[in-house]
N, C-alpha and C. Protein backbone atom coordinates (compact mmCIF):
# COMPACT_ATOMS: atom_id res chain seq x y z
N MET A 1 75.59 228.56 189.06
CA MET A 1 74.18 228.65 189.38
C MET A 1 73.41 227.93 188.28
N ALA A 2 72.71 226.92 188.64
CA ALA A 2 72.01 226.10 187.67
C ALA A 2 70.58 226.57 187.45
N ALA A 3 70.15 226.48 186.22
CA ALA A 3 68.75 226.81 185.90
C ALA A 3 67.89 225.62 186.24
N ARG A 4 66.69 225.89 186.64
CA ARG A 4 65.72 224.84 186.90
C ARG A 4 64.49 225.16 186.08
N GLY A 5 64.14 224.29 185.16
CA GLY A 5 63.09 224.52 184.19
C GLY A 5 61.76 224.97 184.78
N ARG A 6 61.36 224.45 185.92
CA ARG A 6 60.06 224.81 186.47
C ARG A 6 59.99 226.27 186.88
N ASP A 7 61.12 226.91 187.09
CA ASP A 7 61.13 228.32 187.48
C ASP A 7 60.91 229.25 186.29
N GLU A 8 61.10 228.76 185.09
CA GLU A 8 61.05 229.62 183.91
C GLU A 8 59.75 230.42 183.82
N ALA A 9 58.64 229.84 184.27
CA ALA A 9 57.35 230.53 184.15
C ALA A 9 57.03 231.35 185.40
N VAL A 10 57.88 231.31 186.41
CA VAL A 10 57.61 232.01 187.66
C VAL A 10 57.95 233.48 187.51
N LEU A 11 56.97 234.32 187.80
CA LEU A 11 57.15 235.77 187.80
C LEU A 11 56.95 236.28 189.21
N LEU A 12 57.84 237.13 189.67
CA LEU A 12 57.73 237.74 190.99
C LEU A 12 57.68 239.25 190.84
N SER A 13 56.84 239.87 191.63
CA SER A 13 56.75 241.34 191.64
C SER A 13 57.42 241.85 192.90
N ALA A 14 57.61 243.15 192.97
CA ALA A 14 58.16 243.76 194.19
C ALA A 14 57.25 243.45 195.37
N ALA A 15 55.95 243.43 195.15
CA ALA A 15 55.00 243.11 196.23
C ALA A 15 55.20 241.69 196.74
N ASP A 16 55.52 240.74 195.86
CA ASP A 16 55.79 239.36 196.28
C ASP A 16 57.00 239.29 197.20
N LEU A 17 57.97 240.18 196.96
CA LEU A 17 59.22 240.14 197.70
C LEU A 17 59.15 240.83 199.05
N GLY A 18 58.09 241.56 199.29
CA GLY A 18 57.90 242.16 200.61
C GLY A 18 57.93 243.67 200.60
N GLU A 19 57.50 244.20 201.70
CA GLU A 19 57.41 245.65 201.86
C GLU A 19 58.77 246.32 201.67
N GLY A 20 58.78 247.34 200.86
CA GLY A 20 60.01 248.10 200.62
C GLY A 20 60.93 247.50 199.57
N ALA A 21 60.63 246.31 199.08
CA ALA A 21 61.47 245.68 198.08
C ALA A 21 61.20 246.30 196.71
N THR A 22 62.26 246.45 195.94
CA THR A 22 62.13 246.95 194.58
C THR A 22 62.92 246.04 193.64
N LEU A 23 62.39 245.84 192.46
CA LEU A 23 63.10 245.06 191.46
C LEU A 23 64.15 245.94 190.80
N GLY A 24 65.26 245.33 190.42
CA GLY A 24 66.29 246.06 189.71
C GLY A 24 65.84 246.41 188.31
N GLU A 25 66.39 247.45 187.78
CA GLU A 25 66.05 247.88 186.43
C GLU A 25 66.40 246.82 185.39
N ARG A 26 67.52 246.11 185.61
CA ARG A 26 67.97 245.08 184.66
C ARG A 26 67.82 243.67 185.21
N ALA A 27 68.01 243.50 186.52
CA ALA A 27 67.93 242.17 187.15
C ALA A 27 67.84 242.33 188.66
N THR A 28 67.39 241.27 189.31
CA THR A 28 67.30 241.27 190.77
C THR A 28 67.85 239.95 191.30
N LEU A 29 68.69 240.05 192.32
CA LEU A 29 69.22 238.89 193.02
C LEU A 29 68.40 238.73 194.29
N VAL A 30 67.62 237.66 194.38
CA VAL A 30 66.75 237.42 195.53
C VAL A 30 67.39 236.32 196.37
N GLN A 31 67.67 236.64 197.62
CA GLN A 31 68.32 235.71 198.54
C GLN A 31 67.35 235.32 199.65
N PHE A 32 67.13 234.02 199.82
CA PHE A 32 66.35 233.51 200.94
C PHE A 32 67.34 233.08 202.03
N SER A 33 67.16 233.64 203.23
CA SER A 33 68.07 233.41 204.33
C SER A 33 67.31 233.08 205.60
N THR A 34 68.05 232.59 206.59
CA THR A 34 67.53 232.42 207.94
C THR A 34 68.52 233.06 208.91
N ALA A 35 68.05 233.37 210.09
CA ALA A 35 68.83 234.13 211.06
C ALA A 35 70.16 233.46 211.44
N PHE A 36 70.17 232.16 211.58
CA PHE A 36 71.37 231.49 212.09
C PHE A 36 72.20 230.80 211.01
N CYS A 37 71.96 231.15 209.78
CA CYS A 37 72.64 230.55 208.64
C CYS A 37 73.96 231.28 208.37
N GLN A 38 75.07 230.61 208.65
CA GLN A 38 76.39 231.21 208.41
C GLN A 38 76.65 231.48 206.93
N PRO A 39 76.38 230.52 206.03
CA PRO A 39 76.61 230.80 204.61
C PRO A 39 75.76 231.95 204.08
N CYS A 40 74.63 232.23 204.74
CA CYS A 40 73.76 233.34 204.32
C CYS A 40 74.48 234.68 204.45
N ARG A 41 75.28 234.82 205.49
CA ARG A 41 76.02 236.08 205.69
C ARG A 41 77.03 236.30 204.58
N ALA A 42 77.76 235.26 204.23
CA ALA A 42 78.73 235.37 203.14
C ALA A 42 78.02 235.62 201.82
N THR A 43 76.88 234.96 201.63
CA THR A 43 76.10 235.15 200.40
C THR A 43 75.62 236.59 200.31
N ARG A 44 75.17 237.16 201.41
CA ARG A 44 74.73 238.56 201.45
C ARG A 44 75.85 239.48 200.97
N ARG A 45 77.06 239.24 201.44
CA ARG A 45 78.20 240.08 201.04
C ARG A 45 78.46 239.96 199.54
N VAL A 46 78.48 238.73 199.03
CA VAL A 46 78.75 238.50 197.61
C VAL A 46 77.68 239.16 196.74
N LEU A 47 76.41 238.95 197.07
CA LEU A 47 75.34 239.49 196.25
C LEU A 47 75.28 241.01 196.31
N SER A 48 75.51 241.56 197.49
CA SER A 48 75.54 243.03 197.62
C SER A 48 76.69 243.62 196.81
N GLU A 49 77.82 242.96 196.85
CA GLU A 49 78.98 243.43 196.09
C GLU A 49 78.69 243.40 194.59
N VAL A 50 78.13 242.30 194.10
CA VAL A 50 77.82 242.18 192.68
C VAL A 50 76.77 243.22 192.28
N ALA A 51 75.74 243.38 193.11
CA ALA A 51 74.70 244.38 192.80
C ALA A 51 75.30 245.78 192.74
N GLY A 52 76.30 246.05 193.54
CA GLY A 52 76.97 247.34 193.51
C GLY A 52 77.86 247.53 192.29
N LEU A 53 78.33 246.43 191.72
CA LEU A 53 79.22 246.49 190.56
C LEU A 53 78.48 246.57 189.23
N VAL A 54 77.31 245.98 189.17
CA VAL A 54 76.57 245.87 187.90
C VAL A 54 75.39 246.83 187.94
N ALA A 55 75.42 247.81 187.06
CA ALA A 55 74.36 248.82 187.02
C ALA A 55 73.00 248.18 186.76
N GLY A 56 71.99 248.65 187.48
CA GLY A 56 70.62 248.18 187.27
C GLY A 56 70.28 246.88 187.95
N VAL A 57 71.18 246.38 188.80
CA VAL A 57 70.94 245.12 189.51
C VAL A 57 70.68 245.41 190.98
N ALA A 58 69.60 244.83 191.50
CA ALA A 58 69.24 244.99 192.90
C ALA A 58 69.44 243.68 193.65
N HIS A 59 69.67 243.79 194.95
CA HIS A 59 69.77 242.61 195.83
C HIS A 59 68.68 242.73 196.88
N VAL A 60 67.85 241.69 196.98
CA VAL A 60 66.78 241.65 197.97
C VAL A 60 66.97 240.40 198.81
N GLU A 61 67.02 240.58 200.13
CA GLU A 61 67.14 239.43 201.03
C GLU A 61 65.81 239.20 201.72
N ILE A 62 65.38 237.94 201.71
CA ILE A 62 64.10 237.57 202.29
C ILE A 62 64.33 236.60 203.44
N ASP A 63 63.73 236.89 204.59
CA ASP A 63 63.80 236.00 205.75
C ASP A 63 62.85 234.83 205.48
N ALA A 64 63.41 233.67 205.26
CA ALA A 64 62.61 232.50 204.90
C ALA A 64 61.62 232.12 206.00
N GLU A 65 62.01 232.29 207.25
CA GLU A 65 61.15 231.91 208.36
C GLU A 65 59.92 232.82 208.48
N ARG A 66 60.04 234.04 208.06
CA ARG A 66 58.93 235.00 208.14
C ARG A 66 58.09 235.06 206.88
N ASN A 67 58.51 234.34 205.85
CA ASN A 67 57.80 234.36 204.56
C ASN A 67 57.53 232.95 204.08
N LEU A 68 56.92 232.15 204.95
CA LEU A 68 56.73 230.73 204.64
C LEU A 68 55.83 230.49 203.43
N GLU A 69 54.85 231.34 203.21
CA GLU A 69 53.98 231.16 202.05
C GLU A 69 54.79 231.26 200.75
N LEU A 70 55.65 232.26 200.66
CA LEU A 70 56.48 232.44 199.47
C LEU A 70 57.50 231.30 199.36
N VAL A 71 58.08 230.89 200.47
CA VAL A 71 59.03 229.78 200.50
C VAL A 71 58.38 228.51 199.94
N ARG A 72 57.16 228.24 200.38
CA ARG A 72 56.45 227.05 199.90
C ARG A 72 56.11 227.18 198.42
N ARG A 73 55.64 228.36 198.03
CA ARG A 73 55.26 228.59 196.63
C ARG A 73 56.45 228.38 195.69
N LEU A 74 57.62 228.81 196.12
CA LEU A 74 58.81 228.72 195.27
C LEU A 74 59.62 227.44 195.54
N GLU A 75 59.13 226.61 196.45
CA GLU A 75 59.79 225.35 196.80
C GLU A 75 61.24 225.56 197.24
N ILE A 76 61.44 226.53 198.14
CA ILE A 76 62.76 226.78 198.72
C ILE A 76 62.99 225.70 199.76
N ARG A 77 64.05 224.92 199.62
CA ARG A 77 64.32 223.79 200.50
C ARG A 77 65.43 224.05 201.52
N ARG A 78 66.31 225.01 201.23
CA ARG A 78 67.42 225.30 202.14
C ARG A 78 67.86 226.73 201.97
N THR A 79 68.61 227.20 202.94
CA THR A 79 69.17 228.55 202.85
C THR A 79 70.68 228.45 202.90
N PRO A 80 71.36 229.33 202.18
CA PRO A 80 70.77 230.32 201.29
C PRO A 80 70.34 229.69 199.96
N THR A 81 69.27 230.23 199.43
CA THR A 81 68.86 229.96 198.06
C THR A 81 68.78 231.30 197.35
N VAL A 82 69.34 231.36 196.16
CA VAL A 82 69.38 232.60 195.39
C VAL A 82 68.60 232.41 194.09
N LEU A 83 67.72 233.35 193.82
CA LEU A 83 67.00 233.40 192.55
C LEU A 83 67.50 234.62 191.79
N VAL A 84 67.72 234.45 190.50
CA VAL A 84 68.08 235.58 189.64
C VAL A 84 66.86 235.89 188.80
N LEU A 85 66.36 237.12 188.93
CA LEU A 85 65.19 237.56 188.17
C LEU A 85 65.63 238.50 187.06
N ASP A 86 64.96 238.41 185.92
CA ASP A 86 65.23 239.38 184.85
C ASP A 86 64.46 240.67 185.15
N ALA A 87 64.50 241.61 184.25
CA ALA A 87 63.87 242.92 184.48
C ALA A 87 62.36 242.82 184.69
N ASP A 88 61.74 241.78 184.15
CA ASP A 88 60.30 241.59 184.30
C ASP A 88 59.93 240.82 185.56
N GLY A 89 60.93 240.35 186.31
CA GLY A 89 60.67 239.58 187.52
C GLY A 89 60.56 238.08 187.28
N ARG A 90 60.96 237.63 186.10
CA ARG A 90 60.92 236.21 185.76
C ARG A 90 62.17 235.52 186.32
N VAL A 91 61.98 234.37 186.98
CA VAL A 91 63.11 233.61 187.52
C VAL A 91 63.86 232.97 186.35
N VAL A 92 65.14 233.33 186.20
CA VAL A 92 65.94 232.77 185.11
C VAL A 92 67.05 231.85 185.61
N ARG A 93 67.39 231.94 186.88
CA ARG A 93 68.39 231.07 187.50
C ARG A 93 68.02 230.86 188.95
N ARG A 94 68.46 229.71 189.47
CA ARG A 94 68.20 229.36 190.86
C ARG A 94 69.38 228.54 191.36
N ALA A 95 69.83 228.81 192.58
CA ALA A 95 70.93 228.03 193.16
C ALA A 95 70.76 227.97 194.67
N ALA A 96 71.11 226.83 195.24
CA ALA A 96 71.11 226.68 196.69
C ALA A 96 72.56 226.59 197.15
N GLY A 97 72.82 227.14 198.32
CA GLY A 97 74.18 227.14 198.85
C GLY A 97 74.86 228.47 198.57
N GLN A 98 76.05 228.60 199.13
CA GLN A 98 76.80 229.85 198.99
C GLN A 98 77.41 229.96 197.60
N PRO A 99 77.02 230.99 196.83
CA PRO A 99 77.55 231.13 195.47
C PRO A 99 78.91 231.82 195.45
N ARG A 100 79.66 231.53 194.39
CA ARG A 100 80.89 232.27 194.16
C ARG A 100 80.56 233.52 193.35
N ARG A 101 81.33 234.56 193.56
CA ARG A 101 81.11 235.84 192.88
C ARG A 101 81.07 235.65 191.36
N ALA A 102 82.01 234.90 190.82
CA ALA A 102 82.07 234.68 189.37
C ALA A 102 80.81 233.99 188.85
N ASP A 103 80.26 233.05 189.64
CA ASP A 103 79.04 232.35 189.23
C ASP A 103 77.84 233.29 189.22
N VAL A 104 77.79 234.20 190.18
CA VAL A 104 76.68 235.17 190.23
C VAL A 104 76.75 236.08 189.01
N ILE A 105 77.93 236.56 188.70
CA ILE A 105 78.10 237.43 187.55
C ILE A 105 77.72 236.69 186.26
N ALA A 106 78.12 235.44 186.14
CA ALA A 106 77.77 234.65 184.96
C ALA A 106 76.26 234.44 184.88
N ALA A 107 75.61 234.18 186.01
CA ALA A 107 74.16 233.97 186.02
C ALA A 107 73.42 235.24 185.61
N LEU A 108 73.97 236.38 185.95
CA LEU A 108 73.34 237.64 185.55
C LEU A 108 73.31 237.80 184.04
N GLY A 109 74.27 237.18 183.35
CA GLY A 109 74.31 237.25 181.89
C GLY A 109 73.04 236.74 181.25
N ARG A 110 72.37 235.80 181.90
CA ARG A 110 71.12 235.26 181.36
C ARG A 110 69.97 236.23 181.61
N ALA A 111 70.08 237.04 182.65
CA ALA A 111 68.97 237.93 183.03
C ALA A 111 69.01 239.28 182.33
N VAL A 112 70.19 239.75 181.99
CA VAL A 112 70.29 241.11 181.43
C VAL A 112 70.43 241.15 179.94
């Protein structure tokens, strides 16, 4: 998962992520998906698994088609796109495409 410098100043709150969303105590994995995206399903499994393994980490999935304002604001170009947020909601990592479990765990190291 590669860092992108322009995201460093981006802060997201639970309200930005949608109704019912909560930020993790230590980090949050934010996944942008679409209904017919096959890699999104596999990404959901990987991120949910990692969030279950690492204490204080939450996984939030956002429907890109229903949240176009946020998609445009964050310049999401494809799904799945995963953002790793630190405890304050700051974007510390960003990756497009289906991530590997080991890469997600490594990216969390920057957030926690």
